[in-house]
Amino acid sequence: IKFLIVTPNFHRVHHSINMTEGNSNFSTVFPVWDYLFRTVIIKKNIELETIFFGIDNRLNNDTISFKNCIINPCLNLIK
């Protein structure tokens, strides 16, 4: 059934901080579009656990400061 309807794990790859993965799995209902336009990346469950989510351009030296680390400590966990 996962080839007919998008599952959460299928679309989850789309939210990866890695832009190779982030530019894939655009479908929200029918994955046939990603297969048709070759924008699909299939990950196994064990590989899904290693995906980091977010926007990579937020993680630079200008935005990582003591104040930002106190406000949002999760930013430093990714690097």
PDB file of N, CA and C in Angstrom:
ATOM      1  N   ILE A   1       0.819  -1.200   0.000  1.00  0.00           N
ATOM      2  CA  ILE A   1       0.000   0.000   0.000  1.00  0.00           C
ATOM      3  C   ILE A   1       0.867   1.272   0.000  1.00  0.00           C
ATOM      4  N   LYS A   2       2.122   1.164   0.483  1.00  0.00           N
ATOM      5  CA  LYS A   2       2.970   2.358   0.539  1.00  0.00           C
ATOM      6  C   LYS A   2       3.352   2.881  -0.839  1.00  0.00           C
ATOM      7  N   PHE A   3       3.121   2.100  -1.895  1.00  0.00           N
ATOM      8  CA  PHE A   3       3.368   2.583  -3.257  1.00  0.00           C
ATOM      9  C   PHE A   3       2.166   3.343  -3.819  1.00  0.00           C
ATOM     10  N   LEU A   4       1.031   3.242  -3.132  1.00  0.00           N
ATOM     11  CA  LEU A   4      -0.185   3.918  -3.581  1.00  0.00           C
ATOM     12  C   LEU A   4      -0.495   5.181  -2.790  1.00  0.00           C
ATOM     13  N   ILE A   5      -0.156   5.170  -1.505  1.00  0.00           N
ATOM     14  CA  ILE A   5      -0.456   6.301  -0.627  1.00  0.00           C
ATOM     15  C   ILE A   5       0.811   6.667   0.145  1.00  0.00           C
ATOM     16  N   VAL A   6       1.077   7.948   0.280  1.00  0.00           N
ATOM     17  CA  VAL A   6       2.264   8.414   0.988  1.00  0.00           C
ATOM     18  C   VAL A   6       2.141   8.090   2.468  1.00  0.00           C
ATOM     19  N   THR A   7       3.194   7.501   3.003  1.00  0.00           N
ATOM     20  CA  THR A   7       3.260   7.236   4.434  1.00  0.00           C
ATOM     21  C   THR A   7       4.081   8.340   5.096  1.00  0.00           C
ATOM     22  N   PRO A   8       3.956   8.512   6.403  1.00  0.00           N
ATOM     23  CA  PRO A   8       4.762   9.543   7.075  1.00  0.00           C
ATOM     24  C   PRO A   8       6.268   9.351   6.864  1.00  0.00           C
ATOM     25  N   ASN A   9       6.735   8.113   6.881  1.00  0.00           N
ATOM     26  CA  ASN A   9       8.163   7.871   6.681  1.00  0.00           C
ATOM     27  C   ASN A   9       8.612   8.213   5.267  1.00  0.00           C
ATOM     28  N   PHE A  10       7.739   8.064   4.293  1.00  0.00           N
ATOM     29  CA  PHE A  10       8.074   8.422   2.913  1.00  0.00           C
ATOM     30  C   PHE A  10       8.320   9.922   2.807  1.00  0.00           C
ATOM     31  N   HIS A  11       7.416  10.720   3.339  1.00  0.00           N
ATOM     32  CA  HIS A  11       7.528  12.173   3.224  1.00  0.00           C
ATOM     33  C   HIS A  11       8.546  12.749   4.209  1.00  0.00           C
ATOM     34  N   ARG A  12       8.836  12.014   5.260  1.00  0.00           N
ATOM     35  CA  ARG A  12       9.784  12.467   6.291  1.00  0.00           C
ATOM     36  C   ARG A  12      11.143  12.798   5.696  1.00  0.00           C
ATOM     37  N   VAL A  13      11.566  12.058   4.687  1.00  0.00           N
ATOM     38  CA  VAL A  13      12.855  12.276   4.034  1.00  0.00           C
ATOM     39  C   VAL A  13      12.917  13.689   3.458  1.00  0.00           C
ATOM     40  N   HIS A  14      11.797  14.201   3.010  1.00  0.00           N
ATOM     41  CA  HIS A  14      11.721  15.525   2.397  1.00  0.00           C
ATOM     42  C   HIS A  14      12.154  16.636   3.356  1.00  0.00           C
ATOM     43  N   HIS A  15      12.060  16.420   4.645  1.00  0.00           N
ATOM     44  CA  HIS A  15      12.379  17.443   5.635  1.00  0.00           C
ATOM     45  C   HIS A  15      13.804  17.327   6.183  1.00  0.00           C
ATOM     46  N   SER A  16      14.640  16.569   5.491  1.00  0.00           N
ATOM     47  CA  SER A  16      16.022  16.374   5.908  1.00  0.00           C
ATOM     48  C   SER A  16      16.837  17.643   5.724  1.00  0.00           C
ATOM     49  N   ILE A  17      17.840  17.820   6.591  1.00  0.00           N
ATOM     50  CA  ILE A  17      18.750  18.958   6.474  1.00  0.00           C
ATOM     51  C   ILE A  17      19.684  18.779   5.274  1.00  0.00           C
ATOM     52  N   ASN A  18      19.901  17.530   4.850  1.00  0.00           N
ATOM     53  CA  ASN A  18      20.703  17.212   3.668  1.00  0.00           C
ATOM     54  C   ASN A  18      19.875  17.552   2.428  1.00  0.00           C
ATOM     55  N   MET A  19      20.313  18.497   1.637  1.00  0.00           N
ATOM     56  CA  MET A  19      19.511  18.968   0.509  1.00  0.00           C
ATOM     57  C   MET A  19      19.321  17.917  -0.584  1.00  0.00           C
ATOM     58  N   THR A  20      20.189  16.923  -0.667  1.00  0.00           N
ATOM     59  CA  THR A  20      19.954  15.824  -1.604  1.00  0.00           C
ATOM     60  C   THR A  20      18.675  15.088  -1.229  1.00  0.00           C
ATOM     61  N   GLU A  21      18.484  14.887   0.062  1.00  0.00           N
ATOM     62  CA  GLU A  21      17.263  14.245   0.543  1.00  0.00           C
ATOM     63  C   GLU A  21      16.109  15.245   0.597  1.00  0.00           C
ATOM     64  N   GLY A  22      16.405  16.492   0.928  1.00  0.00           N
ATOM     65  CA  GLY A  22      15.366  17.514   1.043  1.00  0.00           C
ATOM     66  C   GLY A  22      14.692  17.844  -0.276  1.00  0.00           C
ATOM     67  N   ASN A  23      15.404  17.639  -1.368  1.00  0.00           N
ATOM     68  CA  ASN A  23      14.833  17.876  -2.696  1.00  0.00           C
ATOM     69  C   ASN A  23      14.259  16.590  -3.273  1.00  0.00           C
ATOM     70  N   SER A  24      13.546  15.853  -2.456  1.00  0.00           N
ATOM     71  CA  SER A  24      12.938  14.595  -2.885  1.00  0.00           C
ATOM     72  C   SER A  24      11.633  14.380  -2.123  1.00  0.00           C
ATOM     73  N   ASN A  25      10.900  13.355  -2.528  1.00  0.00           N
ATOM     74  CA  ASN A  25       9.680  12.931  -1.840  1.00  0.00           C
ATOM     75  C   ASN A  25       8.728  14.096  -1.566  1.00  0.00           C
ATOM     76  N   PHE A  26       8.363  14.799  -2.607  1.00  0.00           N
ATOM     77  CA  PHE A  26       7.488  15.964  -2.504  1.00  0.00           C
ATOM     78  C   PHE A  26       6.013  15.593  -2.306  1.00  0.00           C
ATOM     79  N   SER A  27       5.633  14.398  -2.712  1.00  0.00           N
ATOM     80  CA  SER A  27       4.224  14.002  -2.673  1.00  0.00           C
ATOM     81  C   SER A  27       3.670  14.007  -1.257  1.00  0.00           C
ATOM     82  N   THR A  28       2.405  14.393  -1.154  1.00  0.00           N
ATOM     83  CA  THR A  28       1.738  14.369   0.143  1.00  0.00           C
ATOM     84  C   THR A  28       0.587  13.372   0.194  1.00  0.00           C
ATOM     85  N   VAL A  29       0.128  12.917  -0.973  1.00  0.00           N
ATOM     86  CA  VAL A  29      -0.961  11.941  -1.003  1.00  0.00           C
ATOM     87  C   VAL A  29      -0.588  10.726  -1.855  1.00  0.00           C
ATOM     88  N   PHE A  30      -0.219  10.967  -3.114  1.00  0.00           N
ATOM     89  CA  PHE A  30       0.071   9.882  -4.046  1.00  0.00           C
ATOM     90  C   PHE A  30       1.541   9.909  -4.468  1.00  0.00           C
ATOM     91  N   PRO A  31       2.330   8.924  -4.069  1.00  0.00           N
ATOM     92  CA  PRO A  31       3.767   8.927  -4.387  1.00  0.00           C
ATOM     93  C   PRO A  31       4.070   8.698  -5.860  1.00  0.00           C
ATOM     94  N   VAL A  32       3.059   8.396  -6.654  1.00  0.00           N
ATOM     95  CA  VAL A  32       3.283   8.148  -8.074  1.00  0.00           C
ATOM     96  C   VAL A  32       3.980   9.336  -8.735  1.00  0.00           C
ATOM     97  N   TRP A  33       3.739  10.557  -8.254  1.00  0.00           N
ATOM     98  CA  TRP A  33       4.360  11.748  -8.848  1.00  0.00           C
ATOM     99  C   TRP A  33       5.869  11.752  -8.628  1.00  0.00           C
ATOM    100  N   ASP A  34       6.299  11.345  -7.461  1.00  0.00           N
ATOM    101  CA  ASP A  34       7.743  11.281  -7.212  1.00  0.00           C
ATOM    102  C   ASP A  34       8.402  10.185  -8.038  1.00  0.00           C
ATOM    103  N   TYR A  35       7.716   9.076  -8.203  1.00  0.00           N
ATOM    104  CA  TYR A  35       8.267   8.021  -9.063  1.00  0.00           C
ATOM    105  C   TYR A  35       8.306   8.483 -10.520  1.00  0.00           C
ATOM    106  N   LEU A  36       7.270   9.157 -10.952  1.00  0.00           N
ATOM    107  CA  LEU A  36       7.174   9.625 -12.330  1.00  0.00           C
ATOM    108  C   LEU A  36       8.261  10.656 -12.665  1.00  0.00           C
ATOM    109  N   PHE A  37       8.499  11.607 -11.742  1.00  0.00           N
ATOM    110  CA  PHE A  37       9.488  12.657 -11.982  1.00  0.00           C
ATOM    111  C   PHE A  37      10.861  12.341 -11.398  1.00  0.00           C
ATOM    112  N   ARG A  38      11.035  11.113 -10.924  1.00  0.00           N
ATOM    113  CA  ARG A  38      12.313  10.625 -10.387  1.00  0.00           C
ATOM    114  C   ARG A  38      12.835  11.489  -9.238  1.00  0.00           C
ATOM    115  N   THR A  39      11.950  11.877  -8.366  1.00  0.00           N
ATOM    116  CA  THR A  39      12.342  12.644  -7.177  1.00  0.00           C
ATOM    117  C   THR A  39      12.147  11.827  -5.905  1.00  0.00           C
ATOM    118  N   VAL A  40      12.146  10.528  -6.037  1.00  0.00           N
ATOM    119  CA  VAL A  40      11.898   9.654  -4.892  1.00  0.00           C
ATOM    120  C   VAL A  40      13.216   9.137  -4.324  1.00  0.00           C
ATOM    121  N   ILE A  41      13.298   9.111  -2.998  1.00  0.00           N
ATOM    122  CA  ILE A  41      14.392   8.467  -2.279  1.00  0.00           C
ATOM    123  C   ILE A  41      13.748   7.549  -1.255  1.00  0.00           C
ATOM    124  N   ILE A  42      14.062   6.278  -1.341  1.00  0.00           N
ATOM    125  CA  ILE A  42      13.509   5.285  -0.420  1.00  0.00           C
ATOM    126  C   ILE A  42      14.553   4.998   0.650  1.00  0.00           C
ATOM    127  N   LYS A  43      14.153   5.132   1.891  1.00  0.00           N
ATOM    128  CA  LYS A  43      15.038   4.857   3.026  1.00  0.00           C
ATOM    129  C   LYS A  43      14.469   3.716   3.850  1.00  0.00           C
ATOM    130  N   LYS A  44      15.358   2.894   4.372  1.00  0.00           N
ATOM    131  CA  LYS A  44      14.940   1.843   5.294  1.00  0.00           C
ATOM    132  C   LYS A  44      14.700   2.472   6.660  1.00  0.00           C
ATOM    133  N   ASN A  45      13.974   1.777   7.510  1.00  0.00           N
ATOM    134  CA  ASN A  45      13.643   2.317   8.837  1.00  0.00           C
ATOM    135  C   ASN A  45      14.881   2.694   9.637  1.00  0.00           C
ATOM    136  N   ILE A  46      15.940   1.897   9.548  1.00  0.00           N
ATOM    137  CA  ILE A  46      17.159   2.194  10.300  1.00  0.00           C
ATOM    138  C   ILE A  46      17.815   3.460   9.772  1.00  0.00           C
ATOM    139  N   GLU A  47      17.707   3.727   8.477  1.00  0.00           N
ATOM    140  CA  GLU A  47      18.272   4.938   7.885  1.00  0.00           C
ATOM    141  C   GLU A  47      17.457   6.172   8.260  1.00  0.00           C
ATOM    142  N   LEU A  48      16.169   6.006   8.474  1.00  0.00           N
ATOM    143  CA  LEU A  48      15.314   7.130   8.847  1.00  0.00           C
ATOM    144  C   LEU A  48      15.690   7.691  10.209  1.00  0.00           C
ATOM    145  N   GLU A  49      16.247   6.856  11.076  1.00  0.00           N
ATOM    146  CA  GLU A  49      16.626   7.312  12.415  1.00  0.00           C
ATOM    147  C   GLU A  49      17.815   8.261  12.382  1.00  0.00           C
ATOM    148  N   THR A  50      18.586   8.249  11.313  1.00  0.00           N
ATOM    149  CA  THR A  50      19.792   9.081  11.242  1.00  0.00           C
ATOM    150  C   THR A  50      19.550  10.398  10.505  1.00  0.00           C
ATOM    151  N   ILE A  51      18.320  10.677  10.094  1.00  0.00           N
ATOM    152  CA  ILE A  51      18.019  11.909   9.367  1.00  0.00           C
ATOM    153  C   ILE A  51      17.894  13.071  10.353  1.00  0.00           C
ATOM    154  N   PHE A  52      18.587  14.158  10.059  1.00  0.00           N
ATOM    155  CA  PHE A  52      18.446  15.386  10.829  1.00  0.00           C
ATOM    156  C   PHE A  52      17.523  16.317  10.065  1.00  0.00           C
ATOM    157  N   PHE A  53      16.657  17.004  10.780  1.00  0.00           N
ATOM    158  CA  PHE A  53      15.667  17.872  10.160  1.00  0.00           C
ATOM    159  C   PHE A  53      16.031  19.327  10.368  1.00  0.00           C
ATOM    160  N   GLY A  54      15.588  20.177   9.464  1.00  0.00           N
ATOM    161  CA  GLY A  54      15.790  21.604   9.643  1.00  0.00           C
ATOM    162  C   GLY A  54      16.271  22.284   8.382  1.00  0.00           C
ATOM    163  N   ILE A  55      16.796  23.483   8.566  1.00  0.00           N
ATOM    164  CA  ILE A  55      17.314  24.278   7.461  1.00  0.00           C
ATOM    165  C   ILE A  55      18.786  24.511   7.742  1.00  0.00           C
ATOM    166  N   ASP A  56      19.636  24.062   6.853  1.00  0.00           N
ATOM    167  CA  ASP A  56      21.074  24.104   7.072  1.00  0.00           C
ATOM    168  C   ASP A  56      21.628  25.516   7.171  1.00  0.00           C
ATOM    169  N   ASN A  57      21.054  26.496   6.464  1.00  0.00           N
ATOM    170  CA  ASN A  57      21.630  27.836   6.481  1.00  0.00           C
ATOM    171  C   ASN A  57      21.443  28.539   7.823  1.00  0.00           C
ATOM    172  N   ARG A  58      20.665  27.977   8.727  1.00  0.00           N
ATOM    173  CA  ARG A  58      20.536  28.542  10.077  1.00  0.00           C
ATOM    174  C   ARG A  58      21.721  28.165  10.942  1.00  0.00           C
ATOM    175  N   LEU A  59      22.506  27.185  10.512  1.00  0.00           N
ATOM    176  CA  LEU A  59      23.614  26.684  11.320  1.00  0.00           C
ATOM    177  C   LEU A  59      24.946  27.244  10.837  1.00  0.00           C
ATOM    178  N   ASN A  60      25.152  28.519  11.008  1.00  0.00           N
ATOM    179  CA  ASN A  60      26.444  29.096  10.679  1.00  0.00           C
ATOM    180  C   ASN A  60      26.970  29.856  11.889  1.00  0.00           C
ATOM    181  N   ASN A  61      28.200  30.308  11.809  1.00  0.00           N
ATOM    182  CA  ASN A  61      28.840  30.951  12.959  1.00  0.00           C
ATOM    183  C   ASN A  61      28.156  32.252  13.358  1.00  0.00           C
ATOM    184  N   ASP A  62      27.465  32.904  12.429  1.00  0.00           N
ATOM    185  CA  ASP A  62      26.790  34.154  12.757  1.00  0.00           C
ATOM    186  C   ASP A  62      25.565  33.940  13.644  1.00  0.00           C
ATOM    187  N   THR A  63      24.907  32.808  13.481  1.00  0.00           N
ATOM    188  CA  THR A  63      23.678  32.570  14.241  1.00  0.00           C
ATOM    189  C   THR A  63      23.903  31.772  15.512  1.00  0.00           C
ATOM    190  N   ILE A  64      25.064  31.098  15.626  1.00  0.00           N
ATOM    191  CA  ILE A  64      25.346  30.333  16.835  1.00  0.00           C
ATOM    192  C   ILE A  64      26.076  31.248  17.812  1.00  0.00           C
ATOM    193  N   SER A  65      25.370  31.685  18.811  1.00  0.00           N
ATOM    194  CA  SER A  65      25.931  32.541  19.852  1.00  0.00           C
ATOM    195  C   SER A  65      25.432  32.016  21.196  1.00  0.00           C
ATOM    196  N   PHE A  66      25.964  32.557  22.265  1.00  0.00           N
ATOM    197  CA  PHE A  66      25.521  32.134  23.590  1.00  0.00           C
ATOM    198  C   PHE A  66      24.026  32.354  23.758  1.00  0.00           C
ATOM    199  N   LYS A  67      23.567  33.523  23.323  1.00  0.00           N
ATOM    200  CA  LYS A  67      22.146  33.854  23.436  1.00  0.00           C
ATOM    201  C   LYS A  67      21.289  32.858  22.650  1.00  0.00           C
ATOM    202  N   ASN A  68      21.678  32.561  21.414  1.00  0.00           N
ATOM    203  CA  ASN A  68      20.901  31.621  20.596  1.00  0.00           C
ATOM    204  C   ASN A  68      20.965  30.202  21.160  1.00  0.00           C
ATOM    205  N   CYS A  69      22.092  29.834  21.759  1.00  0.00           N
ATOM    206  CA  CYS A  69      22.195  28.505  22.373  1.00  0.00           C
ATOM    207  C   CYS A  69      21.261  28.370  23.575  1.00  0.00           C
ATOM    208  N   ILE A  70      21.067  29.454  24.311  1.00  0.00           N
ATOM    209  CA  ILE A  70      20.134  29.424  25.436  1.00  0.00           C
ATOM    210  C   ILE A  70      18.694  29.380  24.938  1.00  0.00           C
ATOM    211  N   ILE A  71      18.403  30.160  23.899  1.00  0.00           N
ATOM    212  CA  ILE A  71      17.035  30.227  23.361  1.00  0.00           C
ATOM    213  C   ILE A  71      16.665  28.919  22.671  1.00  0.00           C
ATOM    214  N   ASN A  72      17.570  28.376  21.858  1.00  0.00           N
ATOM    215  CA  ASN A  72      17.282  27.167  21.092  1.00  0.00           C
ATOM    216  C   ASN A  72      18.481  26.231  21.138  1.00  0.00           C
ATOM    217  N   PRO A  73      18.633  25.434  22.191  1.00  0.00           N
ATOM    218  CA  PRO A  73      19.814  24.562  22.329  1.00  0.00           C
ATOM    219  C   PRO A  73      19.863  23.431  21.308  1.00  0.00           C
ATOM    220  N   CYS A  74      18.776  23.098  20.666  1.00  0.00           N
ATOM    221  CA  CYS A  74      18.751  21.990  19.714  1.00  0.00           C
ATOM    222  C   CYS A  74      19.576  22.291  18.462  1.00  0.00           C
ATOM    223  N   LEU A  75      19.807  23.550  18.142  1.00  0.00           N
ATOM    224  CA  LEU A  75      20.598  23.885  16.962  1.00  0.00           C
ATOM    225  C   LEU A  75      21.996  23.306  17.043  1.00  0.00           C
ATOM    226  N   ASN A  76      22.568  23.252  18.232  1.00  0.00           N
ATOM    227  CA  ASN A  76      23.939  22.764  18.374  1.00  0.00           C
ATOM    228  C   ASN A  76      24.026  21.248  18.371  1.00  0.00           C
ATOM    229  N   LEU A  77      22.926  20.565  18.528  1.00  0.00           N
ATOM    230  CA  LEU A  77      22.954  19.107  18.514  1.00  0.00           C
ATOM    231  C   LEU A  77      23.210  18.545  17.128  1.00  0.00           C
ATOM    232  N   ILE A  78      22.928  19.317  16.106  1.00  0.00           N
ATOM    233  CA  ILE A  78      23.046  18.819  14.743  1.00  0.00           C
ATOM    234  C   ILE A  78      24.493  18.782  14.295  1.00  0.00           C
ATOM    235  N   LYS A  79      25.298  19.718  14.713  1.00  0.00           N
ATOM    236  CA  LYS A  79      26.705  19.756  14.277  1.00  0.00           C
ATOM    237  C   LYS A  79      27.574  18.877  15.127  1.00  0.00           C
TER     238      LYS A  79
END
